[in-house]
Amino acid sequence: MTAEPGTSAPAPSGRAAPGAAKLVLPSLIGALVALTLGVYGRLHHPTGIAVNIAGFSSPGAVKSWLATGAIAFALVQVGSALVMYGKVPRIAPPGWIGGLHQWSGRIAFLLTVPVAVHCLYALGFQHYSTRVLVHSLLGCAFFGAFTVKMLILPKPGLPRWTLPACGALVFTVLTGVWFTSAYWFFSTFGIRH
């Protein structure tokens, strides 16, 4: 970029854009959450004590169905977000879509909590196979990305793309967690409860 004759070029400020600066602290906190979960899972001696719910054949089945429920509600989140942001042609956002979006997200997150508690407490951060290592990494990353998303929700002045991008990241990581756990479980042992 060159300045026109008779004017001076703007001096570089050396600062990040104001909206981007608002992402630094939430991102650091999210990274700290993910790292803390990973370190705890690795240093904690796995107890082998399983979270189980009556009517299910095994803790693996419980975790797989809870994770599948989380993915189902996360899909509702994606659909409702697309409607809210006007990305679905010919559908005007109804007044209740925001509530649906919020509650589907809350339910999806709540379904992941017992799964994560079981994984961290009973199994720990494992790496005996590539699938298990990827699952452990993605599980920690999910809670870190979710933390970032929740922390940026009330922040005004962020670029418009920030919240949808963060939501897409949370959904993508959760999908990876599901594929490396529930999908693997169902394809290995069959769909059972």
N, C-alpha and C. Protein backbone atom coordinates (compact mmCIF):
# COMPACT_ATOMS: atom_id res chain seq x y z
N MET A 1 0.85 -1.15 0.00
CA MET A 1 0.00 0.00 0.00
C MET A 1 0.91 1.23 0.00
N THR A 2 0.61 2.14 -0.85
CA THR A 2 1.41 3.37 -0.90
C THR A 2 0.52 4.56 -0.59
N ALA A 3 1.16 5.60 -0.06
CA ALA A 3 0.41 6.81 0.28
C ALA A 3 0.35 7.71 -0.94
N GLU A 4 -0.73 8.47 -1.04
CA GLU A 4 -0.84 9.42 -2.14
C GLU A 4 0.14 10.56 -1.89
N PRO A 5 0.59 11.22 -2.99
CA PRO A 5 1.53 12.31 -2.81
C PRO A 5 0.95 13.39 -1.90
N GLY A 6 1.78 13.88 -1.01
CA GLY A 6 1.35 14.93 -0.10
C GLY A 6 0.72 14.41 1.18
N THR A 7 0.52 13.09 1.30
CA THR A 7 -0.02 12.52 2.54
C THR A 7 0.98 11.50 3.07
N SER A 8 0.86 11.20 4.32
CA SER A 8 1.76 10.20 4.89
C SER A 8 1.00 8.89 5.06
N ALA A 9 1.73 7.81 4.99
CA ALA A 9 1.13 6.49 5.17
C ALA A 9 0.81 6.31 6.65
N PRO A 10 -0.28 5.60 6.94
CA PRO A 10 -0.60 5.37 8.35
C PRO A 10 0.48 4.50 8.99
N ALA A 11 0.87 4.86 10.18
CA ALA A 11 1.90 4.10 10.90
C ALA A 11 1.28 2.82 11.45
N PRO A 12 2.00 1.71 11.31
CA PRO A 12 1.47 0.47 11.89
C PRO A 12 1.41 0.60 13.40
N SER A 13 0.31 0.15 13.96
CA SER A 13 0.10 0.32 15.40
C SER A 13 0.79 -0.77 16.21
N GLY A 14 1.05 -1.92 15.59
CA GLY A 14 1.66 -3.01 16.33
C GLY A 14 0.68 -3.74 17.23
N ARG A 15 -0.58 -3.35 17.24
CA ARG A 15 -1.60 -4.00 18.07
C ARG A 15 -2.48 -4.89 17.21
N ALA A 16 -3.03 -5.92 17.85
CA ALA A 16 -4.00 -6.77 17.16
C ALA A 16 -5.32 -6.01 17.07
N ALA A 17 -6.15 -6.45 16.17
CA ALA A 17 -7.48 -5.84 16.04
C ALA A 17 -8.20 -5.98 17.38
N PRO A 18 -9.00 -4.98 17.78
CA PRO A 18 -9.66 -5.02 19.08
C PRO A 18 -10.50 -6.28 19.30
N GLY A 19 -11.20 -6.73 18.27
CA GLY A 19 -12.01 -7.95 18.41
C GLY A 19 -11.16 -9.18 18.64
N ALA A 20 -10.03 -9.25 17.93
CA ALA A 20 -9.15 -10.41 18.08
C ALA A 20 -8.53 -10.44 19.47
N ALA A 21 -8.24 -9.29 20.03
CA ALA A 21 -7.66 -9.23 21.38
C ALA A 21 -8.61 -9.82 22.41
N LYS A 22 -9.91 -9.70 22.17
CA LYS A 22 -10.89 -10.24 23.11
C LYS A 22 -10.94 -11.76 23.08
N LEU A 23 -10.29 -12.36 22.11
CA LEU A 23 -10.26 -13.83 22.01
C LEU A 23 -9.09 -14.43 22.76
N VAL A 24 -8.10 -13.63 23.11
CA VAL A 24 -6.87 -14.16 23.70
C VAL A 24 -7.14 -14.83 25.04
N LEU A 25 -7.75 -14.13 25.98
CA LEU A 25 -7.98 -14.69 27.31
C LEU A 25 -8.90 -15.92 27.27
N PRO A 26 -10.05 -15.87 26.57
CA PRO A 26 -10.87 -17.09 26.49
C PRO A 26 -10.12 -18.26 25.86
N SER A 27 -9.29 -17.98 24.86
CA SER A 27 -8.53 -19.07 24.23
C SER A 27 -7.50 -19.65 25.18
N LEU A 28 -6.86 -18.81 25.95
CA LEU A 28 -5.89 -19.30 26.93
C LEU A 28 -6.57 -20.13 28.02
N ILE A 29 -7.74 -19.67 28.47
CA ILE A 29 -8.48 -20.42 29.48
C ILE A 29 -8.93 -21.77 28.91
N GLY A 30 -9.43 -21.78 27.68
CA GLY A 30 -9.84 -23.03 27.04
C GLY A 30 -8.67 -24.00 26.90
N ALA A 31 -7.51 -23.47 26.51
CA ALA A 31 -6.32 -24.32 26.39
C ALA A 31 -5.93 -24.88 27.76
N LEU A 32 -6.05 -24.06 28.79
CA LEU A 32 -5.74 -24.51 30.15
C LEU A 32 -6.69 -25.61 30.60
N VAL A 33 -7.97 -25.47 30.27
CA VAL A 33 -8.95 -26.52 30.61
C VAL A 33 -8.58 -27.83 29.93
N ALA A 34 -8.31 -27.77 28.62
CA ALA A 34 -7.95 -28.98 27.88
C ALA A 34 -6.68 -29.61 28.44
N LEU A 35 -5.68 -28.79 28.70
CA LEU A 35 -4.41 -29.28 29.24
C LEU A 35 -4.59 -29.89 30.63
N THR A 36 -5.37 -29.22 31.47
CA THR A 36 -5.60 -29.73 32.82
C THR A 36 -6.29 -31.09 32.79
N LEU A 37 -7.30 -31.23 31.93
CA LEU A 37 -7.98 -32.53 31.82
C LEU A 37 -7.02 -33.61 31.34
N GLY A 38 -6.19 -33.28 30.36
CA GLY A 38 -5.23 -34.25 29.85
C GLY A 38 -4.20 -34.65 30.89
N VAL A 39 -3.68 -33.67 31.61
CA VAL A 39 -2.68 -33.96 32.65
C VAL A 39 -3.31 -34.78 33.77
N TYR A 40 -4.53 -34.37 34.21
CA TYR A 40 -5.21 -35.14 35.25
C TYR A 40 -5.43 -36.58 34.78
N GLY A 41 -5.96 -36.73 33.57
CA GLY A 41 -6.23 -38.07 33.05
C GLY A 41 -4.98 -38.92 32.93
N ARG A 42 -3.86 -38.29 32.65
CA ARG A 42 -2.59 -39.04 32.50
C ARG A 42 -1.97 -39.37 33.85
N LEU A 43 -2.02 -38.43 34.81
CA LEU A 43 -1.38 -38.65 36.11
C LEU A 43 -2.25 -39.44 37.08
N HIS A 44 -3.58 -39.33 36.92
CA HIS A 44 -4.51 -40.03 37.80
C HIS A 44 -4.44 -41.53 37.50
N HIS A 45 -4.31 -42.31 38.54
CA HIS A 45 -4.31 -43.76 38.35
C HIS A 45 -5.74 -44.23 38.08
N PRO A 46 -5.99 -44.82 36.91
CA PRO A 46 -7.36 -45.24 36.58
C PRO A 46 -7.90 -46.21 37.63
N THR A 47 -9.12 -45.97 38.04
CA THR A 47 -9.72 -46.80 39.08
C THR A 47 -10.42 -48.02 38.52
N GLY A 48 -10.83 -47.96 37.25
CA GLY A 48 -11.59 -49.05 36.66
C GLY A 48 -13.04 -49.07 37.14
N ILE A 49 -13.40 -48.19 38.06
CA ILE A 49 -14.78 -48.12 38.55
C ILE A 49 -15.62 -47.46 37.47
N ALA A 50 -16.66 -48.14 37.06
CA ALA A 50 -17.43 -47.69 35.91
C ALA A 50 -18.72 -47.00 36.30
N VAL A 51 -19.09 -46.03 35.48
CA VAL A 51 -20.40 -45.41 35.58
C VAL A 51 -21.34 -46.30 34.77
N ASN A 52 -22.38 -46.78 35.40
CA ASN A 52 -23.31 -47.64 34.70
C ASN A 52 -24.73 -47.22 35.05
N ILE A 53 -25.62 -47.49 34.13
CA ILE A 53 -27.04 -47.18 34.32
C ILE A 53 -27.82 -48.46 34.12
N ALA A 54 -28.75 -48.73 35.01
CA ALA A 54 -29.56 -49.94 34.92
C ALA A 54 -30.21 -50.04 33.55
N GLY A 55 -30.22 -51.23 33.01
CA GLY A 55 -30.84 -51.47 31.71
C GLY A 55 -29.84 -51.49 30.57
N PHE A 56 -28.60 -51.08 30.83
CA PHE A 56 -27.58 -51.12 29.80
C PHE A 56 -26.67 -52.33 30.04
N SER A 57 -26.16 -52.90 28.97
CA SER A 57 -25.36 -54.12 29.08
C SER A 57 -23.96 -53.88 29.61
N SER A 58 -23.44 -52.66 29.47
CA SER A 58 -22.07 -52.39 29.91
C SER A 58 -21.84 -50.89 30.02
N PRO A 59 -20.77 -50.50 30.71
CA PRO A 59 -20.43 -49.07 30.73
C PRO A 59 -20.14 -48.53 29.33
N GLY A 60 -19.58 -49.35 28.46
CA GLY A 60 -19.33 -48.92 27.08
C GLY A 60 -20.62 -48.59 26.35
N ALA A 61 -21.66 -49.38 26.61
CA ALA A 61 -22.95 -49.11 25.99
C ALA A 61 -23.55 -47.81 26.54
N VAL A 62 -23.44 -47.60 27.85
CA VAL A 62 -23.95 -46.36 28.46
C VAL A 62 -23.26 -45.16 27.82
N LYS A 63 -21.93 -45.19 27.79
CA LYS A 63 -21.17 -44.08 27.24
C LYS A 63 -21.50 -43.85 25.77
N SER A 64 -21.66 -44.93 25.02
CA SER A 64 -21.94 -44.81 23.59
C SER A 64 -23.31 -44.18 23.34
N TRP A 65 -24.30 -44.58 24.12
CA TRP A 65 -25.64 -44.01 23.94
C TRP A 65 -25.71 -42.57 24.42
N LEU A 66 -25.03 -42.25 25.52
CA LEU A 66 -25.00 -40.86 25.97
C LEU A 66 -24.30 -39.97 24.93
N ALA A 67 -23.19 -40.47 24.38
CA ALA A 67 -22.47 -39.71 23.36
C ALA A 67 -23.32 -39.56 22.10
N THR A 68 -24.07 -40.58 21.75
CA THR A 68 -24.95 -40.50 20.58
C THR A 68 -26.07 -39.49 20.83
N GLY A 69 -26.59 -39.45 22.04
CA GLY A 69 -27.58 -38.43 22.39
C GLY A 69 -26.98 -37.03 22.29
N ALA A 70 -25.74 -36.88 22.74
CA ALA A 70 -25.06 -35.58 22.65
C ALA A 70 -24.91 -35.15 21.20
N ILE A 71 -24.56 -36.09 20.33
CA ILE A 71 -24.42 -35.77 18.90
C ILE A 71 -25.78 -35.39 18.31
N ALA A 72 -26.83 -36.09 18.71
CA ALA A 72 -28.17 -35.76 18.19
C ALA A 72 -28.55 -34.33 18.58
N PHE A 73 -28.33 -33.96 19.84
CA PHE A 73 -28.66 -32.60 20.26
C PHE A 73 -27.70 -31.58 19.64
N ALA A 74 -26.46 -31.99 19.39
CA ALA A 74 -25.52 -31.10 18.71
C ALA A 74 -25.96 -30.84 17.27
N LEU A 75 -26.56 -31.83 16.63
CA LEU A 75 -27.10 -31.63 15.28
C LEU A 75 -28.26 -30.63 15.31
N VAL A 76 -29.07 -30.69 16.36
CA VAL A 76 -30.14 -29.69 16.54
C VAL A 76 -29.50 -28.32 16.68
N GLN A 77 -28.40 -28.24 17.42
CA GLN A 77 -27.67 -26.98 17.58
C GLN A 77 -27.23 -26.43 16.23
N VAL A 78 -26.65 -27.28 15.40
CA VAL A 78 -26.18 -26.84 14.08
C VAL A 78 -27.36 -26.36 13.24
N GLY A 79 -28.43 -27.15 13.20
CA GLY A 79 -29.60 -26.76 12.41
C GLY A 79 -30.22 -25.46 12.89
N SER A 80 -30.36 -25.31 14.20
CA SER A 80 -30.96 -24.08 14.72
C SER A 80 -30.04 -22.88 14.50
N ALA A 81 -28.73 -23.09 14.57
CA ALA A 81 -27.79 -21.99 14.30
C ALA A 81 -27.89 -21.55 12.85
N LEU A 82 -28.01 -22.51 11.93
CA LEU A 82 -28.15 -22.16 10.51
C LEU A 82 -29.41 -21.34 10.27
N VAL A 83 -30.49 -21.71 10.94
CA VAL A 83 -31.74 -20.94 10.80
C VAL A 83 -31.58 -19.55 11.42
N MET A 84 -30.98 -19.49 12.63
CA MET A 84 -30.81 -18.20 13.31
C MET A 84 -29.94 -17.24 12.50
N TYR A 85 -28.92 -17.75 11.85
CA TYR A 85 -28.02 -16.90 11.07
C TYR A 85 -28.49 -16.69 9.64
N GLY A 86 -29.71 -17.17 9.32
CA GLY A 86 -30.29 -16.91 8.01
C GLY A 86 -29.64 -17.70 6.88
N LYS A 87 -29.05 -18.84 7.20
CA LYS A 87 -28.36 -19.65 6.19
C LYS A 87 -29.25 -20.71 5.55
N VAL A 88 -30.49 -20.80 6.00
CA VAL A 88 -31.44 -21.73 5.41
C VAL A 88 -32.42 -20.92 4.58
N PRO A 89 -32.36 -21.06 3.24
CA PRO A 89 -33.24 -20.25 2.40
C PRO A 89 -34.72 -20.53 2.67
N ARG A 90 -35.50 -19.49 2.54
CA ARG A 90 -36.96 -19.54 2.64
C ARG A 90 -37.48 -19.89 4.04
N ILE A 91 -36.61 -19.85 5.04
CA ILE A 91 -37.09 -20.09 6.41
C ILE A 91 -36.74 -18.87 7.24
N ALA A 92 -37.77 -18.17 7.66
CA ALA A 92 -37.56 -17.03 8.56
C ALA A 92 -37.40 -17.58 9.97
N PRO A 93 -36.42 -17.08 10.71
CA PRO A 93 -36.19 -17.62 12.06
C PRO A 93 -37.41 -17.39 12.96
N PRO A 94 -38.04 -18.47 13.44
CA PRO A 94 -39.16 -18.30 14.36
C PRO A 94 -38.67 -17.79 15.71
N GLY A 95 -39.55 -17.24 16.50
CA GLY A 95 -39.18 -16.67 17.78
C GLY A 95 -38.61 -17.67 18.77
N TRP A 96 -38.98 -18.93 18.64
CA TRP A 96 -38.55 -19.95 19.60
C TRP A 96 -37.21 -20.58 19.24
N ILE A 97 -36.62 -20.23 18.10
CA ILE A 97 -35.42 -20.92 17.64
C ILE A 97 -34.23 -20.68 18.58
N GLY A 98 -34.14 -19.49 19.17
CA GLY A 98 -33.05 -19.22 20.11
C GLY A 98 -33.13 -20.11 21.34
N GLY A 99 -34.34 -20.30 21.86
CA GLY A 99 -34.52 -21.19 23.00
C GLY A 99 -34.18 -22.63 22.67
N LEU A 100 -34.60 -23.08 21.47
CA LEU A 100 -34.25 -24.42 21.03
C LEU A 100 -32.74 -24.57 20.94
N HIS A 101 -32.07 -23.58 20.40
CA HIS A 101 -30.61 -23.62 20.26
C HIS A 101 -29.94 -23.71 21.64
N GLN A 102 -30.38 -22.87 22.56
CA GLN A 102 -29.78 -22.88 23.89
C GLN A 102 -30.01 -24.19 24.63
N TRP A 103 -31.24 -24.68 24.61
CA TRP A 103 -31.54 -25.89 25.36
C TRP A 103 -30.93 -27.14 24.73
N SER A 104 -30.87 -27.19 23.41
CA SER A 104 -30.23 -28.36 22.79
C SER A 104 -28.74 -28.37 23.13
N GLY A 105 -28.12 -27.20 23.20
CA GLY A 105 -26.72 -27.13 23.60
C GLY A 105 -26.50 -27.55 25.03
N ARG A 106 -27.38 -27.09 25.92
CA ARG A 106 -27.27 -27.46 27.33
C ARG A 106 -27.41 -28.97 27.51
N ILE A 107 -28.39 -29.55 26.84
CA ILE A 107 -28.62 -30.99 26.96
C ILE A 107 -27.44 -31.77 26.37
N ALA A 108 -26.96 -31.34 25.21
CA ALA A 108 -25.81 -32.02 24.60
C ALA A 108 -24.62 -32.00 25.56
N PHE A 109 -24.35 -30.84 26.14
CA PHE A 109 -23.22 -30.75 27.07
C PHE A 109 -23.44 -31.63 28.29
N LEU A 110 -24.64 -31.59 28.87
CA LEU A 110 -24.91 -32.40 30.06
C LEU A 110 -24.76 -33.89 29.78
N LEU A 111 -25.08 -34.32 28.56
CA LEU A 111 -24.91 -35.72 28.21
C LEU A 111 -23.43 -36.11 28.13
N THR A 112 -22.56 -35.14 27.84
CA THR A 112 -21.13 -35.46 27.75
C THR A 112 -20.46 -35.55 29.11
N VAL A 113 -21.03 -34.94 30.12
CA VAL A 113 -20.36 -34.88 31.43
C VAL A 113 -20.16 -36.26 32.06
N PRO A 114 -21.19 -37.12 32.17
CA PRO A 114 -20.93 -38.44 32.78
C PRO A 114 -19.96 -39.28 31.95
N VAL A 115 -19.97 -39.09 30.65
CA VAL A 115 -19.04 -39.81 29.79
C VAL A 115 -17.61 -39.36 30.10
N ALA A 116 -17.39 -38.06 30.19
CA ALA A 116 -16.06 -37.55 30.49
C ALA A 116 -15.60 -37.95 31.88
N VAL A 117 -16.50 -37.89 32.85
CA VAL A 117 -16.13 -38.29 34.22
C VAL A 117 -15.70 -39.75 34.22
N HIS A 118 -16.46 -40.59 33.56
CA HIS A 118 -16.09 -42.00 33.49
C HIS A 118 -14.75 -42.19 32.80
N CYS A 119 -14.60 -41.53 31.67
CA CYS A 119 -13.34 -41.69 30.92
C CYS A 119 -12.14 -41.24 31.75
N LEU A 120 -12.23 -40.09 32.37
CA LEU A 120 -11.10 -39.57 33.14
C LEU A 120 -10.86 -40.37 34.42
N TYR A 121 -11.92 -40.69 35.13
CA TYR A 121 -11.77 -41.32 36.44
C TYR A 121 -11.48 -42.82 36.33
N ALA A 122 -12.27 -43.51 35.51
CA ALA A 122 -12.13 -44.96 35.43
C ALA A 122 -11.02 -45.40 34.48
N LEU A 123 -10.79 -44.64 33.42
CA LEU A 123 -9.84 -45.07 32.40
C LEU A 123 -8.59 -44.22 32.30
N GLY A 124 -8.72 -42.92 32.54
CA GLY A 124 -7.58 -42.01 32.42
C GLY A 124 -7.27 -41.69 30.96
N PHE A 125 -6.23 -40.89 30.76
CA PHE A 125 -5.78 -40.52 29.42
C PHE A 125 -4.96 -41.69 28.89
N GLN A 126 -5.47 -42.37 27.89
CA GLN A 126 -4.82 -43.58 27.38
C GLN A 126 -4.20 -43.34 26.01
N HIS A 127 -3.22 -44.15 25.66
CA HIS A 127 -2.56 -44.01 24.36
C HIS A 127 -2.09 -45.36 23.80
N TYR A 128 -2.73 -46.46 24.18
CA TYR A 128 -2.29 -47.77 23.75
C TYR A 128 -2.62 -48.09 22.29
N SER A 129 -3.43 -47.28 21.65
CA SER A 129 -3.67 -47.41 20.21
C SER A 129 -3.89 -46.02 19.65
N THR A 130 -3.78 -45.90 18.34
CA THR A 130 -3.98 -44.59 17.70
C THR A 130 -5.39 -44.08 17.94
N ARG A 131 -6.38 -44.96 17.82
CA ARG A 131 -7.78 -44.54 18.03
C ARG A 131 -7.97 -44.00 19.44
N VAL A 132 -7.44 -44.71 20.42
CA VAL A 132 -7.61 -44.31 21.81
C VAL A 132 -6.87 -43.00 22.10
N LEU A 133 -5.68 -42.85 21.55
CA LEU A 133 -4.93 -41.60 21.73
C LEU A 133 -5.69 -40.43 21.12
N VAL A 134 -6.18 -40.60 19.89
CA VAL A 134 -6.94 -39.53 19.23
C VAL A 134 -8.20 -39.22 20.04
N HIS A 135 -8.85 -40.26 20.55
CA HIS A 135 -10.05 -40.05 21.37
C HIS A 135 -9.71 -39.26 22.64
N SER A 136 -8.65 -39.61 23.30
CA SER A 136 -8.24 -38.90 24.51
C SER A 136 -7.93 -37.43 24.22
N LEU A 137 -7.20 -37.19 23.14
CA LEU A 137 -6.86 -35.81 22.76
C LEU A 137 -8.11 -35.01 22.40
N LEU A 138 -9.00 -35.62 21.60
CA LEU A 138 -10.22 -34.92 21.20
C LEU A 138 -11.15 -34.67 22.39
N GLY A 139 -11.21 -35.61 23.32
CA GLY A 139 -12.05 -35.42 24.50
C GLY A 139 -11.61 -34.20 25.31
N CYS A 140 -10.31 -34.06 25.50
CA CYS A 140 -9.79 -32.88 26.21
C CYS A 140 -10.03 -31.62 25.39
N ALA A 141 -9.80 -31.71 24.08
CA ALA A 141 -9.99 -30.56 23.19
C ALA A 141 -11.45 -30.11 23.17
N PHE A 142 -12.39 -31.05 23.25
CA PHE A 142 -13.81 -30.69 23.26
C PHE A 142 -14.13 -29.75 24.42
N PHE A 143 -13.69 -30.13 25.62
CA PHE A 143 -14.01 -29.30 26.78
C PHE A 143 -13.27 -27.97 26.75
N GLY A 144 -12.08 -27.95 26.15
CA GLY A 144 -11.38 -26.68 25.97
C GLY A 144 -12.11 -25.78 24.98
N ALA A 145 -12.52 -26.34 23.85
CA ALA A 145 -13.23 -25.55 22.83
C ALA A 145 -14.59 -25.09 23.35
N PHE A 146 -15.26 -25.95 24.09
CA PHE A 146 -16.55 -25.57 24.67
C PHE A 146 -16.38 -24.41 25.65
N THR A 147 -15.32 -24.45 26.43
CA THR A 147 -15.04 -23.37 27.38
C THR A 147 -14.85 -22.05 26.63
N VAL A 148 -14.08 -22.08 25.55
CA VAL A 148 -13.87 -20.86 24.76
C VAL A 148 -15.20 -20.34 24.24
N LYS A 149 -16.03 -21.23 23.70
CA LYS A 149 -17.32 -20.80 23.16
C LYS A 149 -18.18 -20.14 24.23
N MET A 150 -18.22 -20.72 25.41
CA MET A 150 -19.05 -20.14 26.47
C MET A 150 -18.48 -18.80 26.95
N LEU A 151 -17.18 -18.67 26.95
CA LEU A 151 -16.58 -17.41 27.41
C LEU A 151 -16.72 -16.28 26.41
N ILE A 152 -16.84 -16.59 25.11
CA ILE A 152 -16.98 -15.51 24.14
C ILE A 152 -18.43 -15.12 23.89
N LEU A 153 -19.38 -15.92 24.39
CA LEU A 153 -20.79 -15.59 24.17
C LEU A 153 -21.16 -14.19 24.64
N PRO A 154 -20.77 -13.78 25.83
CA PRO A 154 -21.22 -12.45 26.28
C PRO A 154 -20.34 -11.30 25.81
N LYS A 155 -19.32 -11.56 25.00
CA LYS A 155 -18.39 -10.51 24.62
C LYS A 155 -18.88 -9.75 23.39
N PRO A 156 -19.26 -8.48 23.55
CA PRO A 156 -19.63 -7.68 22.38
C PRO A 156 -18.37 -7.21 21.65
N GLY A 157 -18.52 -6.90 20.39
CA GLY A 157 -17.41 -6.35 19.61
C GLY A 157 -16.52 -7.39 18.95
N LEU A 158 -16.87 -8.66 19.05
CA LEU A 158 -16.09 -9.68 18.34
C LEU A 158 -16.51 -9.71 16.88
N PRO A 159 -15.62 -10.12 15.99
CA PRO A 159 -16.02 -10.28 14.59
C PRO A 159 -17.21 -11.24 14.48
N ARG A 160 -18.09 -10.99 13.52
CA ARG A 160 -19.31 -11.79 13.37
C ARG A 160 -19.04 -13.28 13.17
N TRP A 161 -17.91 -13.61 12.59
CA TRP A 161 -17.62 -15.01 12.28
C TRP A 161 -17.14 -15.79 13.50
N THR A 162 -16.79 -15.10 14.58
CA THR A 162 -16.14 -15.75 15.71
C THR A 162 -17.02 -16.82 16.36
N LEU A 163 -18.23 -16.46 16.74
CA LEU A 163 -19.09 -17.42 17.43
C LEU A 163 -19.48 -18.61 16.53
N PRO A 164 -19.88 -18.38 15.28
CA PRO A 164 -20.17 -19.54 14.42
C PRO A 164 -18.94 -20.42 14.20
N ALA A 165 -17.77 -19.82 14.06
CA ALA A 165 -16.56 -20.62 13.85
C ALA A 165 -16.25 -21.45 15.09
N CYS A 166 -16.41 -20.84 16.25
CA CYS A 166 -16.15 -21.56 17.50
C CYS A 166 -17.18 -22.68 17.69
N GLY A 167 -18.43 -22.40 17.39
CA GLY A 167 -19.46 -23.44 17.47
C GLY A 167 -19.17 -24.58 16.51
N ALA A 168 -18.71 -24.26 15.31
CA ALA A 168 -18.36 -25.30 14.34
C ALA A 168 -17.20 -26.15 14.85
N LEU A 169 -16.24 -25.50 15.49
CA LEU A 169 -15.11 -26.24 16.06
C LEU A 169 -15.58 -27.19 17.16
N VAL A 170 -16.43 -26.71 18.05
CA VAL A 170 -16.96 -27.56 19.12
C VAL A 170 -17.69 -28.76 18.52
N PHE A 171 -18.53 -28.52 17.52
CA PHE A 171 -19.27 -29.60 16.89
C PHE A 171 -18.33 -30.59 16.20
N THR A 172 -17.33 -30.09 15.50
CA THR A 172 -16.39 -30.95 14.79
C THR A 172 -15.61 -31.83 15.76
N VAL A 173 -15.15 -31.24 16.85
CA VAL A 173 -14.39 -32.02 17.83
C VAL A 173 -15.30 -33.06 18.49
N LEU A 174 -16.53 -32.68 18.84
CA LEU A 174 -17.46 -33.65 19.42
C LEU A 174 -17.74 -34.79 18.45
N THR A 175 -17.86 -34.48 17.18
CA THR A 175 -18.07 -35.53 16.17
C THR A 175 -16.88 -36.47 16.13
N GLY A 176 -15.67 -35.93 16.22
CA GLY A 176 -14.47 -36.77 16.28
C GLY A 176 -14.45 -37.65 17.50
N VAL A 177 -14.87 -37.10 18.64
CA VAL A 177 -14.96 -37.90 19.88
C VAL A 177 -15.94 -39.03 19.67
N TRP A 178 -17.09 -38.72 19.07
CA TRP A 178 -18.12 -39.75 18.85
C TRP A 178 -17.61 -40.85 17.92
N PHE A 179 -16.95 -40.47 16.83
CA PHE A 179 -16.46 -41.48 15.88
C PHE A 179 -15.40 -42.38 16.50
N THR A 180 -14.58 -41.83 17.38
CA THR A 180 -13.52 -42.65 17.98
C THR A 180 -14.00 -43.42 19.21
N SER A 181 -15.26 -43.26 19.56
CA SER A 181 -15.78 -43.99 20.72
C SER A 181 -17.08 -44.71 20.39
N ALA A 182 -18.18 -44.00 20.33
CA ALA A 182 -19.49 -44.63 20.15
C ALA A 182 -19.58 -45.35 18.80
N TYR A 183 -19.16 -44.67 17.74
CA TYR A 183 -19.21 -45.33 16.42
C TYR A 183 -18.36 -46.59 16.44
N TRP A 184 -17.16 -46.48 17.00
CA TRP A 184 -16.28 -47.65 17.10
C TRP A 184 -16.95 -48.75 17.92
N PHE A 185 -17.56 -48.38 19.05
CA PHE A 185 -18.22 -49.37 19.91
C PHE A 185 -19.35 -50.06 19.17
N PHE A 186 -20.22 -49.28 18.52
CA PHE A 186 -21.36 -49.87 17.81
C PHE A 186 -20.90 -50.73 16.63
N SER A 187 -19.88 -50.30 15.93
CA SER A 187 -19.42 -51.10 14.78
C SER A 187 -18.64 -52.33 15.22
N THR A 188 -18.07 -52.32 16.42
CA THR A 188 -17.32 -53.47 16.91
C THR A 188 -18.23 -54.47 17.64
N PHE A 189 -19.12 -53.98 18.49
CA PHE A 189 -19.93 -54.85 19.33
C PHE A 189 -21.40 -54.91 18.92
N GLY A 190 -21.78 -54.10 17.96
CA GLY A 190 -23.18 -54.06 17.53
C GLY A 190 -23.97 -53.05 18.33
N ILE A 191 -25.11 -52.68 17.78
CA ILE A 191 -25.95 -51.68 18.44
C ILE A 191 -26.79 -52.42 19.48
N ARG A 192 -26.45 -52.13 20.73
CA ARG A 192 -27.20 -52.74 21.83
C ARG A 192 -27.25 -51.76 22.98
N HIS A 193 -28.11 -52.03 23.91
CA HIS A 193 -28.21 -51.17 25.08
C HIS A 193 -27.86 -51.92 26.34
